[in-house]
Amino acid sequence: MTRRNIIWHELIGLKARIVKATHPGYLGIEGYVIDETRNTLVIAGKKIWVVPKDVVEIEFELEDGAKIKIPGRELVGRPEMRLKKRWRR
């Protein structure tokens, strides 16, 4: 998984941290992605947060320890529809 192809992978189970946000309340949220909808990620850490994708920049930590920053706007859309976009190209 790389920055280029992370949008086509399953995000549930990845460690995520909010590194940039338009709302200061979202900044610094850290935990594991436990659910994903079209417009939000549910992140569980010290508590459970529902974070809108379009107003944040997220840093994902992969299984090999690599960290990838990606604007949430690139992740907006249902997970299954993001997969279909890949195959249409």
PDB file of N, CA and C in Angstrom:
ATOM      1  N   MET A   1       0.846  -1.166   0.000  1.00  0.00           N
ATOM      2  CA  MET A   1       0.000   0.000   0.000  1.00  0.00           C
ATOM      3  C   MET A   1       0.899   1.239   0.000  1.00  0.00           C
ATOM      4  N   THR A   2       0.611   2.176  -0.893  1.00  0.00           N
ATOM      5  CA  THR A   2       1.372   3.419  -1.000  1.00  0.00           C
ATOM      6  C   THR A   2       0.410   4.598  -0.980  1.00  0.00           C
ATOM      7  N   ARG A   3       0.965   5.803  -0.981  1.00  0.00           N
ATOM      8  CA  ARG A   3       0.119   6.994  -1.000  1.00  0.00           C
ATOM      9  C   ARG A   3      -0.746   7.012  -2.253  1.00  0.00           C
ATOM     10  N   ARG A   4      -0.208   6.517  -3.347  1.00  0.00           N
ATOM     11  CA  ARG A   4      -0.941   6.502  -4.611  1.00  0.00           C
ATOM     12  C   ARG A   4      -2.146   5.579  -4.589  1.00  0.00           C
ATOM     13  N   ASN A   5      -2.029   4.438  -3.937  1.00  0.00           N
ATOM     14  CA  ASN A   5      -3.119   3.463  -4.025  1.00  0.00           C
ATOM     15  C   ASN A   5      -3.885   3.258  -2.719  1.00  0.00           C
ATOM     16  N   ILE A   6      -3.625   4.050  -1.702  1.00  0.00           N
ATOM     17  CA  ILE A   6      -4.322   3.854  -0.427  1.00  0.00           C
ATOM     18  C   ILE A   6      -5.823   4.104  -0.567  1.00  0.00           C
ATOM     19  N   ILE A   7      -6.227   4.965  -1.497  1.00  0.00           N
ATOM     20  CA  ILE A   7      -7.657   5.249  -1.625  1.00  0.00           C
ATOM     21  C   ILE A   7      -8.439   4.044  -2.120  1.00  0.00           C
ATOM     22  N   TRP A   8      -7.762   3.050  -2.679  1.00  0.00           N
ATOM     23  CA  TRP A   8      -8.449   1.851  -3.161  1.00  0.00           C
ATOM     24  C   TRP A   8      -8.354   0.695  -2.174  1.00  0.00           C
ATOM     25  N   HIS A   9      -7.740   0.921  -1.023  1.00  0.00           N
ATOM     26  CA  HIS A   9      -7.591  -0.135  -0.025  1.00  0.00           C
ATOM     27  C   HIS A   9      -8.580   0.052   1.117  1.00  0.00           C
ATOM     28  N   GLU A  10      -8.735  -0.989   1.879  1.00  0.00           N
ATOM     29  CA  GLU A  10      -9.584  -0.963   3.073  1.00  0.00           C
ATOM     30  C   GLU A  10      -8.886  -0.133   4.143  1.00  0.00           C
ATOM     31  N   LEU A  11      -9.591   0.840   4.703  1.00  0.00           N
ATOM     32  CA  LEU A  11      -9.019   1.705   5.734  1.00  0.00           C
ATOM     33  C   LEU A  11      -9.311   1.190   7.137  1.00  0.00           C
ATOM     34  N   ILE A  12     -10.339   0.370   7.278  1.00  0.00           N
ATOM     35  CA  ILE A  12     -10.705  -0.145   8.593  1.00  0.00           C
ATOM     36  C   ILE A  12      -9.562  -1.000   9.131  1.00  0.00           C
ATOM     37  N   GLY A  13      -9.159  -0.693  10.351  1.00  0.00           N
ATOM     38  CA  GLY A  13      -8.066  -1.412  10.986  1.00  0.00           C
ATOM     39  C   GLY A  13      -6.746  -0.667  10.947  1.00  0.00           C
ATOM     40  N   LEU A  14      -6.644   0.376  10.123  1.00  0.00           N
ATOM     41  CA  LEU A  14      -5.406   1.148  10.063  1.00  0.00           C
ATOM     42  C   LEU A  14      -5.359   2.158  11.205  1.00  0.00           C
ATOM     43  N   LYS A  15      -4.159   2.430  11.694  1.00  0.00           N
ATOM     44  CA  LYS A  15      -3.974   3.457  12.708  1.00  0.00           C
ATOM     45  C   LYS A  15      -3.993   4.805  11.999  1.00  0.00           C
ATOM     46  N   ALA A  16      -4.761   5.752  12.531  1.00  0.00           N
ATOM     47  CA  ALA A  16      -4.919   7.056  11.897  1.00  0.00           C
ATOM     48  C   ALA A  16      -4.706   8.168  12.913  1.00  0.00           C
ATOM     49  N   ARG A  17      -4.201   9.293  12.409  1.00  0.00           N
ATOM     50  CA  ARG A  17      -4.013  10.481  13.242  1.00  0.00           C
ATOM     51  C   ARG A  17      -4.380  11.695  12.401  1.00  0.00           C
ATOM     52  N   ILE A  18      -5.153  12.602  12.963  1.00  0.00           N
ATOM     53  CA  ILE A  18      -5.542  13.823  12.263  1.00  0.00           C
ATOM     54  C   ILE A  18      -4.411  14.831  12.443  1.00  0.00           C
ATOM     55  N   VAL A  19      -3.774  15.235  11.333  1.00  0.00           N
ATOM     56  CA  VAL A  19      -2.632  16.146  11.405  1.00  0.00           C
ATOM     57  C   VAL A  19      -2.987  17.575  11.003  1.00  0.00           C
ATOM     58  N   LYS A  20      -4.107  17.750  10.302  1.00  0.00           N
ATOM     59  CA  LYS A  20      -4.550  19.082   9.894  1.00  0.00           C
ATOM     60  C   LYS A  20      -6.070  19.059   9.826  1.00  0.00           C
ATOM     61  N   ALA A  21      -6.697  20.123  10.312  1.00  0.00           N
ATOM     62  CA  ALA A  21      -8.164  20.168  10.305  1.00  0.00           C
ATOM     63  C   ALA A  21      -8.639  21.612  10.282  1.00  0.00           C
ATOM     64  N   THR A  22      -9.795  21.839   9.666  1.00  0.00           N
ATOM     65  CA  THR A  22     -10.367  23.180   9.671  1.00  0.00           C
ATOM     66  C   THR A  22     -11.002  23.496  11.019  1.00  0.00           C
ATOM     67  N   HIS A  23     -11.358  22.478  11.783  1.00  0.00           N
ATOM     68  CA  HIS A  23     -11.934  22.655  13.120  1.00  0.00           C
ATOM     69  C   HIS A  23     -10.892  22.194  14.137  1.00  0.00           C
ATOM     70  N   PRO A  24     -10.498  23.045  15.073  1.00  0.00           N
ATOM     71  CA  PRO A  24      -9.441  22.671  16.017  1.00  0.00           C
ATOM     72  C   PRO A  24      -9.783  21.472  16.899  1.00  0.00           C
ATOM     73  N   GLY A  25     -11.046  21.149  17.046  1.00  0.00           N
ATOM     74  CA  GLY A  25     -11.443  20.009  17.868  1.00  0.00           C
ATOM     75  C   GLY A  25     -11.039  18.668  17.278  1.00  0.00           C
ATOM     76  N   TYR A  26     -10.812  18.616  15.979  1.00  0.00           N
ATOM     77  CA  TYR A  26     -10.418  17.362  15.331  1.00  0.00           C
ATOM     78  C   TYR A  26      -8.910  17.141  15.346  1.00  0.00           C
ATOM     79  N   LEU A  27      -8.149  18.199  15.516  1.00  0.00           N
ATOM     80  CA  LEU A  27      -6.697  18.122  15.448  1.00  0.00           C
ATOM     81  C   LEU A  27      -6.130  17.236  16.556  1.00  0.00           C
ATOM     82  N   GLY A  28      -5.286  16.302  16.188  1.00  0.00           N
ATOM     83  CA  GLY A  28      -4.634  15.437  17.162  1.00  0.00           C
ATOM     84  C   GLY A  28      -5.378  14.163  17.505  1.00  0.00           C
ATOM     85  N   ILE A  29      -6.565  13.967  16.949  1.00  0.00           N
ATOM     86  CA  ILE A  29      -7.295  12.720  17.199  1.00  0.00           C
ATOM     87  C   ILE A  29      -6.461  11.566  16.666  1.00  0.00           C
ATOM     88  N   GLU A  30      -6.331  10.525  17.470  1.00  0.00           N
ATOM     89  CA  GLU A  30      -5.491   9.391  17.094  1.00  0.00           C
ATOM     90  C   GLU A  30      -6.150   8.101  17.554  1.00  0.00           C
ATOM     91  N   GLY A  31      -6.067   7.083  16.718  1.00  0.00           N
ATOM     92  CA  GLY A  31      -6.633   5.788  17.057  1.00  0.00           C
ATOM     93  C   GLY A  31      -6.736   4.918  15.829  1.00  0.00           C
ATOM     94  N   TYR A  32      -7.566   3.903  15.913  1.00  0.00           N
ATOM     95  CA  TYR A  32      -7.747   2.970  14.804  1.00  0.00           C
ATOM     96  C   TYR A  32      -9.085   3.230  14.121  1.00  0.00           C
ATOM     97  N   VAL A  33      -9.085   3.135  12.797  1.00  0.00           N
ATOM     98  CA  VAL A  33     -10.322   3.301  12.033  1.00  0.00           C
ATOM     99  C   VAL A  33     -11.172   2.060  12.271  1.00  0.00           C
ATOM    100  N   ILE A  34     -12.381   2.253  12.818  1.00  0.00           N
ATOM    101  CA  ILE A  34     -13.251   1.102  13.084  1.00  0.00           C
ATOM    102  C   ILE A  34     -14.465   1.057  12.164  1.00  0.00           C
ATOM    103  N   ASP A  35     -14.737   2.175  11.474  1.00  0.00           N
ATOM    104  CA  ASP A  35     -15.852   2.183  10.524  1.00  0.00           C
ATOM    105  C   ASP A  35     -15.635   3.325   9.549  1.00  0.00           C
ATOM    106  N   GLU A  36     -16.261   3.198   8.391  1.00  0.00           N
ATOM    107  CA  GLU A  36     -16.147   4.225   7.364  1.00  0.00           C
ATOM    108  C   GLU A  36     -17.483   4.355   6.651  1.00  0.00           C
ATOM    109  N   THR A  37     -17.918   5.599   6.471  1.00  0.00           N
ATOM    110  CA  THR A  37     -19.103   5.867   5.663  1.00  0.00           C
ATOM    111  C   THR A  37     -18.674   6.742   4.495  1.00  0.00           C
ATOM    112  N   ARG A  38     -19.633   7.198   3.727  1.00  0.00           N
ATOM    113  CA  ARG A  38     -19.310   8.009   2.558  1.00  0.00           C
ATOM    114  C   ARG A  38     -18.539   9.272   2.939  1.00  0.00           C
ATOM    115  N   ASN A  39     -18.933   9.922   4.011  1.00  0.00           N
ATOM    116  CA  ASN A  39     -18.345  11.210   4.378  1.00  0.00           C
ATOM    117  C   ASN A  39     -17.584  11.224   5.692  1.00  0.00           C
ATOM    118  N   THR A  40     -17.568  10.109   6.433  1.00  0.00           N
ATOM    119  CA  THR A  40     -16.927  10.120   7.748  1.00  0.00           C
ATOM    120  C   THR A  40     -16.059   8.890   7.980  1.00  0.00           C
ATOM    121  N   LEU A  41     -15.136   9.051   8.918  1.00  0.00           N
ATOM    122  CA  LEU A  41     -14.367   7.934   9.466  1.00  0.00           C
ATOM    123  C   LEU A  41     -14.690   7.872  10.953  1.00  0.00           C
ATOM    124  N   VAL A  42     -14.845   6.680  11.476  1.00  0.00           N
ATOM    125  CA  VAL A  42     -15.034   6.499  12.912  1.00  0.00           C
ATOM    126  C   VAL A  42     -13.702   6.001  13.452  1.00  0.00           C
ATOM    127  N   ILE A  43     -13.107   6.797  14.344  1.00  0.00           N
ATOM    128  CA  ILE A  43     -11.785   6.491  14.888  1.00  0.00           C
ATOM    129  C   ILE A  43     -11.922   6.226  16.379  1.00  0.00           C
ATOM    130  N   ALA A  44     -11.391   5.081  16.819  1.00  0.00           N
ATOM    131  CA  ALA A  44     -11.441   4.706  18.234  1.00  0.00           C
ATOM    132  C   ALA A  44     -10.045   4.810  18.823  1.00  0.00           C
ATOM    133  N   GLY A  45      -9.917   5.608  19.862  1.00  0.00           N
ATOM    134  CA  GLY A  45      -8.673   5.758  20.600  1.00  0.00           C
ATOM    135  C   GLY A  45      -9.024   5.765  22.071  1.00  0.00           C
ATOM    136  N   LYS A  46      -8.765   6.902  22.721  1.00  0.00           N
ATOM    137  CA  LYS A  46      -9.192   7.049  24.115  1.00  0.00           C
ATOM    138  C   LYS A  46     -10.710   7.083  24.208  1.00  0.00           C
ATOM    139  N   LYS A  47     -11.336   7.557  23.149  1.00  0.00           N
ATOM    140  CA  LYS A  47     -12.789   7.489  23.009  1.00  0.00           C
ATOM    141  C   LYS A  47     -13.091   7.323  21.524  1.00  0.00           C
ATOM    142  N   ILE A  48     -14.340   7.364  21.146  1.00  0.00           N
ATOM    143  CA  ILE A  48     -14.716   7.153  19.748  1.00  0.00           C
ATOM    144  C   ILE A  48     -15.129   8.489  19.134  1.00  0.00           C
ATOM    145  N   TRP A  49     -14.515   8.825  18.004  1.00  0.00           N
ATOM    146  CA  TRP A  49     -14.814  10.059  17.288  1.00  0.00           C
ATOM    147  C   TRP A  49     -15.363   9.734  15.909  1.00  0.00           C
ATOM    148  N   VAL A  50     -16.306  10.541  15.469  1.00  0.00           N
ATOM    149  CA  VAL A  50     -16.791  10.492  14.088  1.00  0.00           C
ATOM    150  C   VAL A  50     -16.229  11.743  13.418  1.00  0.00           C
ATOM    151  N   VAL A  51     -15.329  11.533  12.463  1.00  0.00           N
ATOM    152  CA  VAL A  51     -14.591  12.629  11.850  1.00  0.00           C
ATOM    153  C   VAL A  51     -15.006  12.784  10.387  1.00  0.00           C
ATOM    154  N   PRO A  52     -15.442  13.981   9.976  1.00  0.00           N
ATOM    155  CA  PRO A  52     -15.763  14.187   8.563  1.00  0.00           C
ATOM    156  C   PRO A  52     -14.489  14.159   7.723  1.00  0.00           C
ATOM    157  N   LYS A  53     -14.542  13.474   6.606  1.00  0.00           N
ATOM    158  CA  LYS A  53     -13.360  13.307   5.762  1.00  0.00           C
ATOM    159  C   LYS A  53     -12.932  14.597   5.071  1.00  0.00           C
ATOM    160  N   ASP A  54     -13.885  15.414   4.658  1.00  0.00           N
ATOM    161  CA  ASP A  54     -13.557  16.544   3.796  1.00  0.00           C
ATOM    162  C   ASP A  54     -12.907  17.733   4.492  1.00  0.00           C
ATOM    163  N   VAL A  55     -12.779  17.738   5.806  1.00  0.00           N
ATOM    164  CA  VAL A  55     -12.203  18.889   6.508  1.00  0.00           C
ATOM    165  C   VAL A  55     -10.898  18.556   7.228  1.00  0.00           C
ATOM    166  N   VAL A  56     -10.334  17.384   6.967  1.00  0.00           N
ATOM    167  CA  VAL A  56      -9.127  16.963   7.683  1.00  0.00           C
ATOM    168  C   VAL A  56      -8.059  16.429   6.726  1.00  0.00           C
ATOM    169  N   GLU A  57      -6.832  16.396   7.222  1.00  0.00           N
ATOM    170  CA  GLU A  57      -5.748  15.666   6.570  1.00  0.00           C
ATOM    171  C   GLU A  57      -5.358  14.564   7.544  1.00  0.00           C
ATOM    172  N   ILE A  58      -5.273  13.339   7.042  1.00  0.00           N
ATOM    173  CA  ILE A  58      -5.092  12.177   7.901  1.00  0.00           C
ATOM    174  C   ILE A  58      -3.755  11.516   7.612  1.00  0.00           C
ATOM    175  N   GLU A  59      -3.084  11.107   8.683  1.00  0.00           N
ATOM    176  CA  GLU A  59      -1.851  10.336   8.546  1.00  0.00           C
ATOM    177  C   GLU A  59      -2.169   8.900   8.949  1.00  0.00           C
ATOM    178  N   PHE A  60      -2.001   7.982   8.010  1.00  0.00           N
ATOM    179  CA  PHE A  60      -2.234   6.568   8.274  1.00  0.00           C
ATOM    180  C   PHE A  60      -0.899   5.881   8.504  1.00  0.00           C
ATOM    181  N   GLU A  61      -0.875   4.971   9.483  1.00  0.00           N
ATOM    182  CA  GLU A  61       0.316   4.155   9.720  1.00  0.00           C
ATOM    183  C   GLU A  61       0.028   2.756   9.192  1.00  0.00           C
ATOM    184  N   LEU A  62       0.872   2.299   8.280  1.00  0.00           N
ATOM    185  CA  LEU A  62       0.686   0.993   7.663  1.00  0.00           C
ATOM    186  C   LEU A  62       1.287  -0.097   8.534  1.00  0.00           C
ATOM    187  N   GLU A  63       1.029  -1.353   8.154  1.00  0.00           N
ATOM    188  CA  GLU A  63       1.526  -2.486   8.945  1.00  0.00           C
ATOM    189  C   GLU A  63       3.046  -2.512   9.034  1.00  0.00           C
ATOM    190  N   ASP A  64       3.732  -2.029   7.991  1.00  0.00           N
ATOM    191  CA  ASP A  64       5.198  -2.048   7.994  1.00  0.00           C
ATOM    192  C   ASP A  64       5.798  -0.835   8.705  1.00  0.00           C
ATOM    193  N   GLY A  65       4.962   0.014   9.286  1.00  0.00           N
ATOM    194  CA  GLY A  65       5.433   1.176  10.027  1.00  0.00           C
ATOM    195  C   GLY A  65       5.504   2.448   9.199  1.00  0.00           C
ATOM    196  N   ALA A  66       5.317   2.351   7.892  1.00  0.00           N
ATOM    197  CA  ALA A  66       5.342   3.533   7.028  1.00  0.00           C
ATOM    198  C   ALA A  66       4.143   4.420   7.339  1.00  0.00           C
ATOM    199  N   LYS A  67       4.340   5.733   7.202  1.00  0.00           N
ATOM    200  CA  LYS A  67       3.262   6.684   7.457  1.00  0.00           C
ATOM    201  C   LYS A  67       2.935   7.419   6.167  1.00  0.00           C
ATOM    202  N   ILE A  68       1.635   7.538   5.901  1.00  0.00           N
ATOM    203  CA  ILE A  68       1.158   8.178   4.677  1.00  0.00           C
ATOM    204  C   ILE A  68       0.174   9.273   5.058  1.00  0.00           C
ATOM    205  N   LYS A  69       0.434  10.515   4.595  1.00  0.00           N
ATOM    206  CA  LYS A  69      -0.504  11.619   4.812  1.00  0.00           C
ATOM    207  C   LYS A  69      -1.347  11.767   3.560  1.00  0.00           C
ATOM    208  N   ILE A  70      -2.640  11.934   3.760  1.00  0.00           N
ATOM    209  CA  ILE A  70      -3.541  12.092   2.621  1.00  0.00           C
ATOM    210  C   ILE A  70      -4.677  13.042   2.996  1.00  0.00           C
ATOM    211  N   PRO A  71      -5.015  13.977   2.100  1.00  0.00           N
ATOM    212  CA  PRO A  71      -6.170  14.845   2.376  1.00  0.00           C
ATOM    213  C   PRO A  71      -7.451  14.025   2.409  1.00  0.00           C
ATOM    214  N   GLY A  72      -8.287  14.299   3.377  1.00  0.00           N
ATOM    215  CA  GLY A  72      -9.535  13.560   3.506  1.00  0.00           C
ATOM    216  C   GLY A  72     -10.442  13.693   2.296  1.00  0.00           C
ATOM    217  N   ARG A  73     -10.328  14.822   1.572  1.00  0.00           N
ATOM    218  CA  ARG A  73     -11.150  15.021   0.372  1.00  0.00           C
ATOM    219  C   ARG A  73     -10.953  13.898  -0.640  1.00  0.00           C
ATOM    220  N   GLU A  74      -9.754  13.337  -0.690  1.00  0.00           N
ATOM    221  CA  GLU A  74      -9.478  12.244  -1.629  1.00  0.00           C
ATOM    222  C   GLU A  74     -10.167  10.947  -1.212  1.00  0.00           C
ATOM    223  N   LEU A  75     -10.611  10.871   0.022  1.00  0.00           N
ATOM    224  CA  LEU A  75     -11.250   9.656   0.532  1.00  0.00           C
ATOM    225  C   LEU A  75     -12.771   9.740   0.547  1.00  0.00           C
ATOM    226  N   VAL A  76     -13.322  10.912   0.221  1.00  0.00           N
ATOM    227  CA  VAL A  76     -14.777  11.072   0.251  1.00  0.00           C
ATOM    228  C   VAL A  76     -15.420  10.140  -0.769  1.00  0.00           C
ATOM    229  N   GLY A  77     -16.436   9.441  -0.334  1.00  0.00           N
ATOM    230  CA  GLY A  77     -17.149   8.487  -1.178  1.00  0.00           C
ATOM    231  C   GLY A  77     -17.229   7.146  -0.472  1.00  0.00           C
ATOM    232  N   ARG A  78     -18.227   6.376  -0.838  1.00  0.00           N
ATOM    233  CA  ARG A  78     -18.366   5.055  -0.230  1.00  0.00           C
ATOM    234  C   ARG A  78     -17.168   4.193  -0.616  1.00  0.00           C
ATOM    235  N   PRO A  79     -16.693   3.371   0.305  1.00  0.00           N
ATOM    236  CA  PRO A  79     -15.513   2.546   0.026  1.00  0.00           C
ATOM    237  C   PRO A  79     -15.675   1.695  -1.231  1.00  0.00           C
ATOM    238  N   GLU A  80     -16.842   1.107  -1.423  1.00  0.00           N
ATOM    239  CA  GLU A  80     -17.029   0.241  -2.588  1.00  0.00           C
ATOM    240  C   GLU A  80     -17.031   1.036  -3.892  1.00  0.00           C
ATOM    241  N   MET A  81     -17.439   2.293  -3.852  1.00  0.00           N
ATOM    242  CA  MET A  81     -17.416   3.125  -5.056  1.00  0.00           C
ATOM    243  C   MET A  81     -15.991   3.568  -5.385  1.00  0.00           C
ATOM    244  N   ARG A  82     -15.162   3.782  -4.363  1.00  0.00           N
ATOM    245  CA  ARG A  82     -13.757   4.120  -4.628  1.00  0.00           C
ATOM    246  C   ARG A  82     -13.073   2.973  -5.353  1.00  0.00           C
ATOM    247  N   LEU A  83     -13.413   1.737  -5.011  1.00  0.00           N
ATOM    248  CA  LEU A  83     -12.838   0.580  -5.698  1.00  0.00           C
ATOM    249  C   LEU A  83     -13.253   0.548  -7.160  1.00  0.00           C
ATOM    250  N   LYS A  84     -14.497   0.853  -7.438  1.00  0.00           N
ATOM    251  CA  LYS A  84     -14.982   0.840  -8.819  1.00  0.00           C
ATOM    252  C   LYS A  84     -14.282   1.889  -9.668  1.00  0.00           C
ATOM    253  N   LYS A  85     -13.966   3.044  -9.092  1.00  0.00           N
ATOM    254  CA  LYS A  85     -13.281   4.096  -9.841  1.00  0.00           C
ATOM    255  C   LYS A  85     -11.945   3.603 -10.374  1.00  0.00           C
ATOM    256  N   ARG A  86     -11.264   2.787  -9.614  1.00  0.00           N
ATOM    257  CA  ARG A  86      -9.957   2.283 -10.026  1.00  0.00           C
ATOM    258  C   ARG A  86     -10.077   1.458 -11.295  1.00  0.00           C
ATOM    259  N   TRP A  87     -11.070   0.628 -11.368  1.00  0.00           N
ATOM    260  CA  TRP A  87     -11.186  -0.284 -12.502  1.00  0.00           C
ATOM    261  C   TRP A  87     -11.694   0.401 -13.756  1.00  0.00           C
ATOM    262  N   ARG A  88     -12.305   1.557 -13.630  1.00  0.00           N
ATOM    263  CA  ARG A  88     -12.797   2.280 -14.799  1.00  0.00           C
ATOM    264  C   ARG A  88     -11.696   3.030 -15.521  1.00  0.00           C
ATOM    265  N   ARG A  89     -10.607   3.309 -14.858  1.00  0.00           N
ATOM    266  CA  ARG A  89      -9.519   4.093 -15.466  1.00  0.00           C
ATOM    267  C   ARG A  89      -8.812   3.338 -16.538  1.00  0.00           C
TER     268      ARG A  89
END
